[in-house]
């Protein structure tokens, strides 16, 4: 999934996560493409996205044996600090 900064300033400390409805589960942290990955780690890497820059989130997962929750893509997938986010 491509995420683009359409603002005039950089988006700082962007973290990708996916929430589910109903929200009885914790959000799933997503991995930014082209960043390091640690298997079975719960840490998420925050990145900065410069104005007009586009970054990619790796969004592919499954959970076997239970009814799949419905992902909620609103209000946003990423959070960060700074103006124009």
C-alpha atoms as a PDB file:
ATOM      1  CA  UNK A   1       0.000   0.000   0.000  1.00  0.00           C
ATOM      2  CA  UNK A   2       1.486   3.345  -1.020  1.00  0.00           C
ATOM      3  CA  UNK A   3       1.350   6.263   1.399  1.00  0.00           C
ATOM      4  CA  UNK A   4       2.120   9.724   0.009  1.00  0.00           C
ATOM      5  CA  UNK A   5       2.824  12.942   1.880  1.00  0.00           C
ATOM      6  CA  UNK A   6       0.807  15.588   0.044  1.00  0.00           C
ATOM      7  CA  UNK A   7       1.684  18.286   2.592  1.00  0.00           C
ATOM      8  CA  UNK A   8       4.221  21.070   2.301  1.00  0.00           C
ATOM      9  CA  UNK A   9       6.280  19.881   5.272  1.00  0.00           C
ATOM     10  CA  UNK A  10       7.705  16.546   6.271  1.00  0.00           C
ATOM     11  CA  UNK A  11       5.641  13.966   8.152  1.00  0.00           C
ATOM     12  CA  UNK A  12       7.715  12.929  11.185  1.00  0.00           C
ATOM     13  CA  UNK A  13       7.643   9.631  13.130  1.00  0.00           C
ATOM     14  CA  UNK A  14       5.087   7.896  10.898  1.00  0.00           C
ATOM     15  CA  UNK A  15       3.895   4.540  12.217  1.00  0.00           C
ATOM     16  CA  UNK A  16       1.761   2.194  10.135  1.00  0.00           C
ATOM     17  CA  UNK A  17      -0.930   0.234  11.931  1.00  0.00           C
ATOM     18  CA  UNK A  18      -4.194  -1.481  11.060  1.00  0.00           C
ATOM     19  CA  UNK A  19      -7.241  -1.506  13.340  1.00  0.00           C
ATOM     20  CA  UNK A  20     -10.180  -3.894  13.211  1.00  0.00           C
ATOM     21  CA  UNK A  21     -13.929  -3.591  13.734  1.00  0.00           C
ATOM     22  CA  UNK A  22     -15.141  -4.553  16.234  1.00  0.00           C
ATOM     23  CA  UNK A  23     -12.195  -3.138  18.098  1.00  0.00           C
ATOM     24  CA  UNK A  24     -11.804  -5.940  20.639  1.00  0.00           C
ATOM     25  CA  UNK A  25      -8.277  -6.630  19.361  1.00  0.00           C
ATOM     26  CA  UNK A  26      -5.119  -4.553  19.441  1.00  0.00           C
ATOM     27  CA  UNK A  27      -4.039  -2.739  16.263  1.00  0.00           C
ATOM     28  CA  UNK A  28      -1.614  -4.648  14.040  1.00  0.00           C
ATOM     29  CA  UNK A  29       1.694  -2.872  13.416  1.00  0.00           C
ATOM     30  CA  UNK A  30       2.606  -2.762   9.744  1.00  0.00           C
ATOM     31  CA  UNK A  31       6.067  -2.902   8.176  1.00  0.00           C
ATOM     32  CA  UNK A  32       7.432  -0.076   6.031  1.00  0.00           C
ATOM     33  CA  UNK A  33       9.037  -1.456   2.857  1.00  0.00           C
ATOM     34  CA  UNK A  34      12.808  -0.971   2.612  1.00  0.00           C
ATOM     35  CA  UNK A  35      13.275  -0.968   6.407  1.00  0.00           C
ATOM     36  CA  UNK A  36      14.792  -3.710   8.533  1.00  0.00           C
ATOM     37  CA  UNK A  37      12.551  -6.501   9.805  1.00  0.00           C
ATOM     38  CA  UNK A  38      12.984  -8.655  12.887  1.00  0.00           C
ATOM     39  CA  UNK A  39      11.093 -11.955  12.890  1.00  0.00           C
ATOM     40  CA  UNK A  40       8.607 -12.300  15.780  1.00  0.00           C
ATOM     41  CA  UNK A  41       9.387  -8.796  16.997  1.00  0.00           C
ATOM     42  CA  UNK A  42       6.682  -6.496  18.312  1.00  0.00           C
ATOM     43  CA  UNK A  43       8.691  -3.378  17.538  1.00  0.00           C
ATOM     44  CA  UNK A  44       7.597  -1.057  14.765  1.00  0.00           C
ATOM     45  CA  UNK A  45       9.871   1.313  12.910  1.00  0.00           C
ATOM     46  CA  UNK A  46       8.797   4.946  12.615  1.00  0.00           C
ATOM     47  CA  UNK A  47       9.849   6.798   9.491  1.00  0.00           C
ATOM     48  CA  UNK A  48       9.832  10.342   8.175  1.00  0.00           C
ATOM     49  CA  UNK A  49       8.125  11.087   4.855  1.00  0.00           C
ATOM     50  CA  UNK A  50       9.319  14.195   3.036  1.00  0.00           C
ATOM     51  CA  UNK A  51       6.907  16.452   1.115  1.00  0.00           C
ATOM     52  CA  UNK A  52       5.686  14.790  -2.113  1.00  0.00           C
ATOM     53  CA  UNK A  53       7.530  11.588  -1.121  1.00  0.00           C
ATOM     54  CA  UNK A  54       5.755   8.244  -1.321  1.00  0.00           C
ATOM     55  CA  UNK A  55       6.541   5.235   0.912  1.00  0.00           C
ATOM     56  CA  UNK A  56       5.121   1.729   0.825  1.00  0.00           C
ATOM     57  CA  UNK A  57       3.588  -0.311   3.630  1.00  0.00           C
ATOM     58  CA  UNK A  58       3.762  -4.099   3.399  1.00  0.00           C
ATOM     59  CA  UNK A  59       0.187  -5.211   4.064  1.00  0.00           C
ATOM     60  CA  UNK A  60      -0.271  -8.971   3.945  1.00  0.00           C
ATOM     61  CA  UNK A  61      -1.206 -11.191   6.866  1.00  0.00           C
ATOM     62  CA  UNK A  62      -3.579 -13.968   7.848  1.00  0.00           C
ATOM     63  CA  UNK A  63      -4.912 -15.562  10.988  1.00  0.00           C
ATOM     64  CA  UNK A  64      -5.883 -19.193  10.805  1.00  0.00           C
ATOM     65  CA  UNK A  65      -8.747 -20.802  12.705  1.00  0.00           C
ATOM     66  CA  UNK A  66     -10.919 -17.796  13.502  1.00  0.00           C
ATOM     67  CA  UNK A  67     -13.414 -15.679  11.642  1.00  0.00           C
ATOM     68  CA  UNK A  68     -11.469 -12.861  10.027  1.00  0.00           C
ATOM     69  CA  UNK A  69     -12.123  -9.413  11.481  1.00  0.00           C
ATOM     70  CA  UNK A  70     -13.012  -6.594   9.098  1.00  0.00           C
ATOM     71  CA  UNK A  71     -10.156  -4.083   8.773  1.00  0.00           C
ATOM     72  CA  UNK A  72     -11.026  -0.475   9.474  1.00  0.00           C
ATOM     73  CA  UNK A  73      -9.112   1.859   7.186  1.00  0.00           C
ATOM     74  CA  UNK A  74     -10.578   5.004   8.684  1.00  0.00           C
ATOM     75  CA  UNK A  75      -9.638   7.524   9.816  1.00  0.00           C
ATOM     76  CA  UNK A  76      -6.045   6.845   8.654  1.00  0.00           C
ATOM     77  CA  UNK A  77      -3.456   4.104   8.519  1.00  0.00           C
ATOM     78  CA  UNK A  78      -0.539   6.196   9.626  1.00  0.00           C
ATOM     79  CA  UNK A  79       0.059   8.544  12.499  1.00  0.00           C
ATOM     80  CA  UNK A  80       2.827  11.036  13.009  1.00  0.00           C
ATOM     81  CA  UNK A  81       3.638  14.461  14.292  1.00  0.00           C
ATOM     82  CA  UNK A  82       3.922  17.765  12.503  1.00  0.00           C
ATOM     83  CA  UNK A  83       1.747  20.013  10.363  1.00  0.00           C
ATOM     84  CA  UNK A  84      -0.107  18.867   7.245  1.00  0.00           C
ATOM     85  CA  UNK A  85      -0.570  15.306   8.416  1.00  0.00           C
END
